[in-house]
Amino acid sequence: MADILITDDEDDIRSLISDILTDEGYSCRTAGTAEACLAAIEEEAPACMILDIWLKDSDMDGIDILKSVRRTHPDIPIIIISGHGNIEIAVAAIKQGAYDYIEKPFNLDQLMVVVTRAMETSRLRSENSELRRKDASSAEMIGQSIAYKGLLGQLKKVMNSNGRVMLTGAAGSGKEVAARYIHGKSNRASGPFVTVSSASIEPERMEIVLFGRESPEKGVEPGLLEQAHEGVLYLDEVADMPQGTQSKILRVLVEQAFTRVGGTEKVRVDLRVISSTNRDLMHEVRSGRFREELYHRLNVVPIDVPSLEERRDDIPVLADHFIAALNKAQGLPLRVLSDETKALLQTMRWPGNIRQLRNVIERVLILGDGTGPIEPSELPAPGDGGGDQGDMTLSGSLASLPLREARELFERQYLMTQINRFGGNISRTAAFVGMERSALHRKLKSLGVVTTARGGARVARVDD
């Protein structure tokens, strides 16, 4: 149960505050020494603390306790009680992260206002933490293809290390989902997952956004780095980060500390950094657009996230997952894919990758009649948000060819499409097209089609 922990070395002060707050419906615990206070927190973290600066017969004072609690339970709002003449110390406590302070002898109305605000802050922080935990745990990895299993194996190897990971892959391929999966399955899962949109942070705003600031009017405003303490900082599309920002991020990675804007003391953070990019970062380094030292700091464990075309076997599974998720989140119809629709989705090209597939499924569910299986006719046409259904159409190029050449061109394109659909699996392709495996091998050879290292097919080159 959420409660308030009151720590003061004077019995009458503890009793007075506890009685007042209990009458207002709050649950209270009390402690008379620093040791009793820390023991109470260890037993169960309170929703809010009221803490006296001076504690007799204790090895620690209120500021020491404040610093300790801020390290272990940064979301607990701490209200400092200070006697007359200790205002400068109280202000210093605010800079150390205290929520507010009340001067003795305190006004009861003022006490209730501050406590009410602090408890609301506690509630919101608790809700945000829970949402972050759910967000991380809901980063499901969906698939069954060879490419997917290879990716999953790599992610599992890095989950419980603290090594920096660089996720590479095309836009929409699921790099952030992979990053959230690492976080959600790691020993940092209870900590935050904070995303830095690299392109959106301008150099002149970067220090405030990342480092936070301190001011007499607003106290401490934590930046993204501080918010990621004991969790993961995700640098999204890091190649887009302005060069001025790159140098400052590099300094934080080296020192593991920073100073808030307007502050004087170093803030140390314990966080793991995961980055992503859809570009060739070494090319960016050679072009002078990305700092080489930052590249080496971030690229400790590189992991390639395959495109949707490299994991075509996963398309029906992903589509079913999106249908269920959209039904739960938006109340859209819970429909199934017809076999023909599954086959068509697997033969399409998806330049927008998993993100594009999700958008197509959402569009079909919104615009469809909500009944029966999803049929191929409901899929958007190429150029209208749908996947590209191949390199050619049954017009122009085919219509101008003699029958033999047109048939050969069609067979080559058809078989390459099916091989790509089944990730290069010749046995499954043969079963689908209705041919013996050996006959399919002979047909591919006659058409000049070879399978690729990535599990697809291409037209043979002269040097093959």
Protein backbone atom coordinates (compact mmCIF):
# COMPACT_ATOMS: atom_id res chain seq x y z
CA MET A 1 0.00 0.00 0.00
CA ALA A 2 1.32 3.47 -0.90
CA ASP A 3 2.23 5.39 2.23
CA ILE A 4 4.20 8.30 3.64
CA LEU A 5 7.37 7.78 5.68
CA ILE A 6 7.94 10.54 8.27
CA THR A 7 11.47 10.82 9.68
CA ASP A 8 12.18 13.29 12.52
CA ASP A 9 14.12 12.95 15.75
CA GLU A 10 11.38 14.73 17.74
CA ASP A 11 8.54 12.46 18.87
CA ASP A 12 5.96 15.21 19.00
CA ILE A 13 6.74 16.41 15.44
CA ARG A 14 6.48 12.85 14.07
CA SER A 15 3.20 12.25 15.90
CA LEU A 16 1.72 15.60 14.88
CA ILE A 17 2.45 15.15 11.17
CA SER A 18 1.34 11.51 11.24
CA ASP A 19 -1.96 12.35 12.98
CA ILE A 20 -2.74 15.18 10.58
CA LEU A 21 -2.04 13.09 7.48
CA THR A 22 -3.87 10.05 8.87
CA ASP A 23 -6.94 12.21 9.46
CA GLU A 24 -6.71 13.21 5.79
CA GLY A 25 -6.81 9.56 4.72
CA TYR A 26 -3.10 8.86 4.22
CA SER A 27 -1.27 5.82 5.59
CA CYS A 28 1.82 6.81 7.56
CA ARG A 29 4.94 5.22 9.05
CA THR A 30 7.44 7.01 11.28
CA ALA A 31 11.16 6.77 12.04
CA GLY A 32 13.23 8.62 14.62
CA THR A 33 16.73 7.89 13.28
CA ALA A 34 18.51 7.55 9.97
CA GLU A 35 18.97 3.84 10.57
CA ALA A 36 15.25 3.32 11.25
CA CYS A 37 14.41 5.36 8.16
CA LEU A 38 16.63 3.28 5.85
CA ALA A 39 15.34 0.06 7.40
CA ALA A 40 11.74 1.14 6.73
CA ILE A 41 12.61 1.91 3.09
CA GLU A 42 14.34 -1.46 2.76
CA GLU A 43 11.22 -3.19 4.09
CA GLU A 44 8.93 -1.37 1.65
CA ALA A 45 9.58 1.75 -0.41
CA PRO A 46 7.10 4.52 0.53
CA ALA A 47 5.18 6.64 -1.95
CA CYS A 48 6.52 9.83 -0.35
CA MET A 49 8.97 10.87 2.39
CA ILE A 50 8.94 13.75 4.88
CA LEU A 51 12.51 14.11 6.16
CA ASP A 52 14.09 16.37 8.78
CA ILE A 53 17.53 17.79 7.91
CA TRP A 54 19.00 17.31 11.42
CA LEU A 55 18.71 13.91 13.06
CA LYS A 56 20.16 13.48 16.57
CA ASP A 57 21.83 10.22 17.52
CA SER A 58 22.25 9.23 13.86
CA ASP A 59 25.34 8.65 11.73
CA MET A 60 23.64 10.29 8.74
CA ASP A 61 21.79 13.58 8.43
CA GLY A 62 18.81 14.29 6.18
CA ILE A 63 21.00 15.31 3.23
CA ASP A 64 22.91 12.02 3.43
CA ILE A 65 19.63 10.08 3.46
CA LEU A 66 18.35 12.19 0.56
CA LYS A 67 21.41 11.33 -1.56
CA SER A 68 21.14 7.64 -0.70
CA VAL A 69 17.42 7.41 -1.52
CA ARG A 70 17.88 9.36 -4.74
CA ARG A 71 20.37 6.74 -5.88
CA THR A 72 18.24 3.72 -5.01
CA HIS A 73 14.67 5.07 -5.37
CA PRO A 74 14.83 8.17 -7.61
CA ASP A 75 11.04 8.27 -8.08
CA ILE A 76 10.20 8.85 -4.39
CA PRO A 77 9.41 12.55 -3.78
CA ILE A 78 11.17 13.73 -0.61
CA ILE A 79 9.91 16.74 1.35
CA ILE A 80 12.58 18.32 3.57
CA ILE A 81 11.70 19.81 6.98
CA SER A 82 14.07 22.57 8.05
CA GLY A 83 14.25 24.74 11.14
CA HIS A 84 14.52 28.53 10.99
CA GLY A 85 17.92 29.58 9.73
CA ASN A 86 18.45 26.44 7.66
CA ILE A 87 16.87 27.76 4.47
CA GLU A 88 20.17 27.74 2.57
CA ILE A 89 20.58 24.06 3.44
CA ALA A 90 17.01 23.39 2.34
CA VAL A 91 17.68 25.08 -1.00
CA ALA A 92 20.81 22.95 -1.35
CA ALA A 93 18.61 19.91 -0.73
CA ILE A 94 16.36 20.97 -3.59
CA LYS A 95 19.42 20.97 -5.85
CA GLN A 96 20.21 17.47 -4.64
CA GLY A 97 16.79 16.32 -5.82
CA ALA A 98 14.43 17.03 -2.91
CA TYR A 99 10.83 17.62 -4.02
CA ASP A 100 10.21 20.65 -1.75
CA TYR A 101 10.90 21.93 1.76
CA ILE A 102 8.81 23.17 4.67
CA GLU A 103 10.16 25.51 7.35
CA LYS A 104 9.49 24.84 11.06
CA PRO A 105 7.19 25.76 12.68
CA PHE A 106 5.14 24.77 9.65
CA ASN A 107 1.73 25.93 8.60
CA LEU A 108 -0.74 23.01 8.41
CA ASP A 109 -2.35 24.28 5.21
CA GLN A 110 1.08 24.59 3.59
CA LEU A 111 1.94 21.05 4.71
CA MET A 112 -1.21 19.64 3.13
CA VAL A 113 -0.65 21.48 -0.16
CA VAL A 114 2.92 20.22 -0.47
CA VAL A 115 2.05 16.65 0.56
CA THR A 116 -0.93 16.53 -1.84
CA ARG A 117 1.27 17.68 -4.73
CA ALA A 118 4.04 15.25 -3.78
CA MET A 119 1.63 12.29 -3.60
CA GLU A 120 0.23 13.18 -7.02
CA THR A 121 3.77 13.33 -8.36
CA SER A 122 4.44 9.93 -6.80
CA ARG A 123 1.33 8.49 -8.41
CA LEU A 124 2.27 9.81 -11.85
CA ARG A 125 5.86 8.58 -11.55
CA SER A 126 4.60 5.15 -10.49
CA GLU A 127 2.22 5.01 -13.45
CA ASN A 128 4.98 6.09 -15.84
CA SER A 129 7.33 3.44 -14.46
CA GLU A 130 4.65 0.78 -14.87
CA LEU A 131 3.98 1.92 -18.43
CA ARG A 132 7.71 1.76 -19.19
CA ARG A 133 7.89 -1.76 -17.79
CA LYS A 134 4.86 -2.87 -19.81
CA ASP A 135 6.26 -1.15 -22.89
CA ALA A 136 9.52 -3.05 -22.56
CA SER A 137 7.88 -6.39 -21.76
CA SER A 138 5.46 -6.02 -24.68
CA ALA A 139 8.31 -5.67 -27.18
CA GLU A 140 7.54 -9.09 -28.59
CA MET A 141 9.79 -10.66 -31.17
CA ILE A 142 7.55 -12.47 -33.67
CA GLY A 143 8.71 -14.96 -36.28
CA GLN A 144 9.79 -18.43 -37.28
CA SER A 145 12.12 -17.89 -40.24
CA ILE A 146 15.81 -18.78 -40.28
CA ALA A 147 16.71 -15.07 -40.43
CA TYR A 148 14.48 -14.34 -37.42
CA LYS A 149 15.95 -17.19 -35.37
CA GLY A 150 19.45 -15.96 -36.17
CA LEU A 151 18.56 -12.46 -34.98
CA LEU A 152 16.93 -13.79 -31.81
CA GLY A 153 20.00 -15.84 -31.01
CA GLN A 154 22.22 -12.76 -31.26
CA LEU A 155 19.89 -10.68 -29.08
CA LYS A 156 19.85 -13.36 -26.38
CA LYS A 157 23.64 -13.37 -26.26
CA VAL A 158 23.80 -9.66 -25.39
CA MET A 159 20.76 -9.37 -23.10
CA ASN A 160 22.46 -9.57 -19.72
CA SER A 161 25.75 -7.95 -20.56
CA ASN A 162 26.23 -4.22 -20.29
CA GLY A 163 27.92 -3.96 -23.68
CA ARG A 164 26.85 -1.25 -26.10
CA VAL A 165 24.90 -2.61 -29.05
CA MET A 166 24.61 -1.14 -32.55
CA LEU A 167 21.51 -2.32 -34.44
CA THR A 168 21.74 -1.89 -38.20
CA GLY A 169 18.99 -2.41 -40.74
CA ALA A 170 16.56 -0.72 -43.09
CA ALA A 171 13.94 1.71 -41.83
CA GLY A 172 10.92 -0.13 -40.46
CA SER A 173 12.73 -3.45 -40.03
CA GLY A 174 12.16 -3.52 -36.26
CA LYS A 175 15.36 -2.11 -34.77
CA GLU A 176 13.56 -0.43 -31.87
CA VAL A 177 11.56 -3.59 -31.14
CA ALA A 178 14.88 -5.47 -30.98
CA ALA A 179 16.28 -2.84 -28.60
CA ARG A 180 13.21 -3.06 -26.37
CA TYR A 181 13.47 -6.85 -26.42
CA ILE A 182 17.05 -6.66 -25.13
CA HIS A 183 15.91 -4.28 -22.39
CA GLY A 184 12.76 -6.22 -21.46
CA LYS A 185 14.61 -9.52 -21.06
CA SER A 186 17.67 -8.09 -19.29
CA ASN A 187 18.48 -7.41 -15.64
CA ARG A 188 17.57 -3.77 -16.37
CA ALA A 189 13.96 -4.60 -17.28
CA SER A 190 12.59 -2.81 -14.20
CA GLY A 191 14.45 0.35 -15.22
CA PRO A 192 13.40 2.88 -17.86
CA PHE A 193 13.79 2.65 -21.63
CA VAL A 194 14.43 6.20 -22.86
CA THR A 195 14.52 6.99 -26.58
CA VAL A 196 16.62 9.81 -27.98
CA SER A 197 15.45 10.83 -31.44
CA SER A 198 18.89 11.76 -32.75
CA ALA A 199 17.77 13.94 -35.65
CA SER A 200 15.38 16.04 -33.58
CA ILE A 201 17.89 17.31 -31.02
CA GLU A 202 19.48 20.53 -32.19
CA PRO A 203 22.95 21.33 -30.79
CA GLU A 204 21.74 24.49 -29.05
CA ARG A 205 18.95 22.59 -27.25
CA MET A 206 20.86 19.36 -26.69
CA GLU A 207 22.34 20.15 -23.28
CA ILE A 208 18.96 20.91 -21.70
CA VAL A 209 17.18 17.96 -23.37
CA LEU A 210 19.89 15.43 -22.50
CA PHE A 211 21.43 16.80 -19.31
CA GLY A 212 18.48 18.66 -17.75
CA ARG A 213 18.82 21.91 -15.83
CA GLU A 214 18.65 23.49 -12.41
CA SER A 215 17.03 26.80 -11.51
CA PRO A 216 15.85 28.48 -8.27
CA GLU A 217 12.34 28.77 -9.71
CA LYS A 218 11.81 25.19 -10.94
CA GLY A 219 14.42 23.26 -9.01
CA VAL A 220 15.84 20.21 -10.78
CA GLU A 221 14.50 19.26 -14.22
CA PRO A 222 16.05 15.88 -15.14
CA GLY A 223 17.19 15.38 -18.74
CA LEU A 224 16.93 12.21 -20.80
CA LEU A 225 20.24 10.83 -19.54
CA GLU A 226 19.13 11.12 -15.93
CA GLN A 227 15.73 9.65 -16.77
CA ALA A 228 17.50 6.61 -18.22
CA HIS A 229 19.43 5.95 -14.97
CA GLU A 230 19.60 2.19 -14.24
CA GLY A 231 17.93 1.48 -17.58
CA VAL A 232 18.60 1.83 -21.29
CA LEU A 233 19.29 4.91 -23.39
CA TYR A 234 18.28 4.18 -26.99
CA LEU A 235 19.91 6.43 -29.61
CA ASP A 236 17.51 6.11 -32.53
CA GLU A 237 19.03 6.55 -36.03
CA VAL A 238 22.28 7.81 -34.56
CA ALA A 239 23.69 8.72 -38.00
CA ASP A 240 21.26 11.66 -38.02
CA MET A 241 22.76 13.16 -34.86
CA PRO A 242 24.22 16.66 -35.45
CA GLN A 243 28.01 16.79 -35.14
CA GLY A 244 27.86 19.24 -32.26
CA THR A 245 25.75 16.76 -30.35
CA GLN A 246 28.06 13.86 -31.22
CA SER A 247 31.01 15.39 -29.37
CA LYS A 248 28.94 15.99 -26.22
CA ILE A 249 27.46 12.47 -26.22
CA LEU A 250 30.99 11.12 -26.64
CA ARG A 251 32.13 13.00 -23.54
CA VAL A 252 29.29 11.50 -21.48
CA LEU A 253 30.13 7.99 -22.67
CA VAL A 254 33.76 8.47 -21.67
CA GLU A 255 33.12 10.07 -18.26
CA GLN A 256 29.79 8.40 -17.35
CA ALA A 257 28.85 11.73 -15.80
CA PHE A 258 27.62 15.19 -16.73
CA THR A 259 26.58 18.49 -15.19
CA ARG A 260 23.05 19.83 -15.51
CA VAL A 261 22.62 23.20 -17.17
CA GLY A 262 22.77 25.76 -14.36
CA GLY A 263 24.21 23.20 -11.96
CA THR A 264 27.67 22.78 -10.49
CA GLU A 265 27.84 19.17 -9.32
CA LYS A 266 28.56 16.15 -11.48
CA VAL A 267 25.64 13.75 -11.94
CA ARG A 268 26.71 10.15 -12.39
CA VAL A 269 24.46 7.75 -14.28
CA ASP A 270 24.33 4.01 -14.66
CA LEU A 271 22.85 3.27 -18.04
CA ARG A 272 23.25 1.00 -21.03
CA VAL A 273 23.43 2.52 -24.50
CA ILE A 274 21.82 0.84 -27.53
CA SER A 275 22.03 2.61 -30.89
CA SER A 276 20.48 2.06 -34.29
CA THR A 277 21.12 3.22 -37.84
CA ASN A 278 19.87 2.50 -41.34
CA ARG A 279 23.07 3.85 -42.88
CA ASP A 280 26.62 2.63 -43.38
CA LEU A 281 28.25 4.38 -40.44
CA MET A 282 31.80 3.70 -41.65
CA HIS A 283 30.90 5.51 -44.87
CA GLU A 284 29.59 8.38 -42.73
CA VAL A 285 32.89 8.36 -40.80
CA ARG A 286 34.96 8.46 -44.00
CA SER A 287 32.77 11.29 -45.28
CA GLY A 288 33.44 13.29 -42.13
CA ARG A 289 29.79 13.31 -41.03
CA PHE A 290 30.20 11.01 -38.03
CA ARG A 291 32.92 11.01 -35.38
CA GLU A 292 35.09 7.91 -35.63
CA GLU A 293 35.71 7.72 -31.87
CA LEU A 294 31.96 7.83 -31.19
CA TYR A 295 31.44 5.08 -33.78
CA HIS A 296 33.88 2.80 -31.98
CA ARG A 297 32.33 3.62 -28.58
CA LEU A 298 28.84 2.69 -29.80
CA ASN A 299 29.67 -0.19 -32.13
CA VAL A 300 30.89 -2.65 -29.50
CA VAL A 301 28.42 -5.38 -30.51
CA PRO A 302 27.01 -4.88 -34.03
CA ILE A 303 23.79 -6.76 -34.85
CA ASP A 304 22.11 -6.70 -38.25
CA VAL A 305 18.29 -6.66 -38.20
CA PRO A 306 17.04 -8.40 -41.38
CA SER A 307 14.54 -6.75 -43.69
CA LEU A 308 11.06 -8.18 -44.13
CA GLU A 309 12.03 -9.54 -47.56
CA GLU A 310 14.76 -11.60 -45.86
CA ARG A 311 12.18 -13.21 -43.58
CA ARG A 312 9.16 -13.80 -45.85
CA ASP A 313 8.14 -16.89 -43.85
CA ASP A 314 7.30 -14.50 -41.00
CA ILE A 315 4.85 -12.34 -42.95
CA PRO A 316 1.67 -14.37 -42.17
CA VAL A 317 2.70 -14.70 -38.52
CA LEU A 318 3.39 -10.96 -38.24
CA ALA A 319 0.12 -10.11 -39.99
CA ASP A 320 -1.85 -12.31 -37.56
CA HIS A 321 -0.03 -10.65 -34.66
CA PHE A 322 -0.94 -7.17 -35.93
CA ILE A 323 -4.59 -8.16 -36.39
CA ALA A 324 -4.77 -9.35 -32.77
CA ALA A 325 -2.90 -6.30 -31.45
CA LEU A 326 -5.11 -3.83 -33.39
CA ASN A 327 -8.22 -5.62 -32.16
CA LYS A 328 -7.06 -5.27 -28.56
CA ALA A 329 -5.82 -1.68 -28.83
CA GLN A 330 -8.38 -0.14 -31.18
CA GLY A 331 -11.26 -2.59 -31.29
CA LEU A 332 -10.74 -3.30 -35.00
CA PRO A 333 -12.30 -6.53 -36.35
CA LEU A 334 -10.56 -9.78 -35.42
CA ARG A 335 -10.27 -11.32 -38.88
CA VAL A 336 -8.11 -14.03 -40.45
CA LEU A 337 -6.09 -14.06 -43.66
CA SER A 338 -7.20 -16.31 -46.48
CA ASP A 339 -4.56 -18.68 -47.86
CA GLU A 340 -4.50 -16.67 -51.09
CA THR A 341 -3.90 -13.45 -49.15
CA LYS A 342 -1.06 -15.02 -47.18
CA ALA A 343 0.57 -16.16 -50.42
CA LEU A 344 0.17 -12.74 -52.02
CA LEU A 345 1.59 -10.91 -49.00
CA GLN A 346 4.64 -13.18 -49.13
CA THR A 347 5.31 -12.42 -52.80
CA MET A 348 5.07 -8.64 -52.43
CA ARG A 349 8.01 -6.33 -51.97
CA TRP A 350 8.05 -4.34 -48.74
CA PRO A 351 10.35 -1.31 -48.95
CA GLY A 352 8.82 -0.04 -45.70
CA ASN A 353 9.41 -3.42 -44.05
CA ILE A 354 7.46 -4.47 -40.94
CA ARG A 355 6.13 -0.96 -40.38
CA GLN A 356 4.59 -0.96 -43.87
CA LEU A 357 3.04 -4.41 -43.32
CA ARG A 358 1.43 -3.20 -40.11
CA ASN A 359 0.05 -0.11 -41.85
CA VAL A 360 -1.43 -2.27 -44.63
CA ILE A 361 -3.11 -4.58 -42.12
CA GLU A 362 -4.52 -1.63 -40.16
CA ARG A 363 -5.85 -0.05 -43.34
CA VAL A 364 -7.56 -3.27 -44.43
CA LEU A 365 -9.20 -3.70 -41.01
CA ILE A 366 -10.46 -0.11 -41.01
CA LEU A 367 -11.81 -0.09 -44.57
CA GLY A 368 -13.07 -3.69 -44.75
CA ASP A 369 -16.58 -4.84 -43.94
CA GLY A 370 -15.32 -6.55 -40.79
CA THR A 371 -16.51 -10.04 -41.68
CA GLY A 372 -14.98 -13.13 -43.20
CA PRO A 373 -11.36 -13.80 -44.14
CA ILE A 374 -9.25 -10.99 -45.61
CA GLU A 375 -9.09 -11.59 -49.38
CA PRO A 376 -6.42 -10.42 -51.88
CA SER A 377 -8.85 -7.91 -53.39
CA GLU A 378 -8.85 -5.97 -50.09
CA LEU A 379 -5.11 -5.30 -50.17
CA PRO A 380 -4.13 -1.82 -51.38
CA ALA A 381 -2.60 -1.65 -54.85
CA PRO A 382 1.13 -0.96 -55.35
CA GLY A 383 1.78 2.76 -55.10
CA ASP A 384 -1.28 3.16 -52.89
CA GLY A 385 0.31 1.98 -49.67
CA GLY A 386 0.55 -1.68 -50.60
CA GLY A 387 3.61 -3.79 -51.24
CA ASP A 388 5.14 -3.91 -54.70
CA GLN A 389 3.94 -7.12 -56.37
CA GLY A 390 6.99 -7.73 -58.53
CA ASP A 391 9.19 -6.11 -61.14
CA MET A 392 6.82 -6.47 -64.09
CA THR A 393 3.17 -6.50 -65.06
CA LEU A 394 1.33 -8.54 -67.68
CA SER A 395 1.42 -5.72 -70.18
CA GLY A 396 4.13 -3.82 -72.07
CA SER A 397 7.22 -6.02 -71.77
CA LEU A 398 5.38 -9.35 -71.96
CA ALA A 399 2.89 -8.34 -74.62
CA SER A 400 5.64 -7.32 -77.04
CA LEU A 401 7.49 -10.67 -76.83
CA PRO A 402 7.00 -13.88 -78.78
CA LEU A 403 5.17 -16.56 -76.77
CA ARG A 404 8.28 -18.65 -76.03
CA GLU A 405 10.25 -15.68 -74.69
CA ALA A 406 7.25 -14.31 -72.78
CA ARG A 407 6.66 -17.71 -71.16
CA GLU A 408 10.33 -18.00 -70.20
CA LEU A 409 10.30 -14.50 -68.73
CA PHE A 410 7.12 -15.24 -66.78
CA GLU A 411 8.42 -18.58 -65.47
CA ARG A 412 11.70 -17.00 -64.36
CA GLN A 413 9.92 -14.16 -62.55
CA TYR A 414 7.32 -16.48 -61.04
CA LEU A 415 9.82 -19.01 -59.71
CA MET A 416 12.16 -16.30 -58.36
CA THR A 417 9.19 -14.76 -56.54
CA GLN A 418 8.22 -18.11 -54.98
CA ILE A 419 11.81 -18.91 -53.96
CA ASN A 420 12.08 -15.50 -52.30
CA ARG A 421 8.74 -16.10 -50.62
CA PHE A 422 10.00 -19.34 -49.06
CA GLY A 423 13.39 -17.91 -48.07
CA GLY A 424 15.33 -19.98 -50.62
CA ASN A 425 13.83 -23.30 -49.47
CA ILE A 426 13.71 -25.33 -52.72
CA SER A 427 11.68 -28.19 -51.20
CA ARG A 428 8.89 -25.90 -50.02
CA THR A 429 8.95 -23.99 -53.32
CA ALA A 430 8.68 -27.23 -55.29
CA ALA A 431 5.76 -28.42 -53.15
CA PHE A 432 3.91 -25.12 -53.62
CA VAL A 433 4.38 -24.88 -57.42
CA GLY A 434 3.58 -28.59 -57.87
CA MET A 435 6.92 -29.85 -59.17
CA GLU A 436 9.38 -32.51 -58.13
CA ARG A 437 12.43 -31.05 -56.41
CA SER A 438 14.79 -32.41 -59.08
CA ALA A 439 12.54 -31.08 -61.84
CA LEU A 440 12.54 -27.65 -60.22
CA HIS A 441 16.35 -27.68 -60.04
CA ARG A 442 16.52 -28.45 -63.77
CA LYS A 443 13.98 -25.75 -64.57
CA LEU A 444 15.89 -23.12 -62.55
CA LYS A 445 19.13 -24.08 -64.28
CA SER A 446 17.50 -23.79 -67.71
CA LEU A 447 16.11 -20.37 -66.78
CA GLY A 448 19.46 -19.16 -65.42
CA VAL A 449 18.18 -18.71 -61.85
CA VAL A 450 20.48 -19.27 -58.85
CA THR A 451 19.74 -19.08 -55.12
CA THR A 452 21.53 -16.42 -53.03
CA ALA A 453 23.38 -16.53 -49.74
CA ARG A 454 20.53 -14.61 -48.11
CA GLY A 455 17.96 -17.25 -49.00
CA GLY A 456 16.52 -15.67 -52.14
CA ALA A 457 17.00 -15.99 -55.90
CA ARG A 458 18.54 -13.98 -58.73
CA VAL A 459 19.36 -14.33 -62.40
CA ALA A 460 22.77 -15.95 -62.89
CA ARG A 461 25.66 -13.70 -63.96
CA VAL A 462 28.24 -14.57 -66.57
CA ASP A 463 30.88 -15.18 -63.88
CA ASP A 464 28.67 -17.62 -61.84
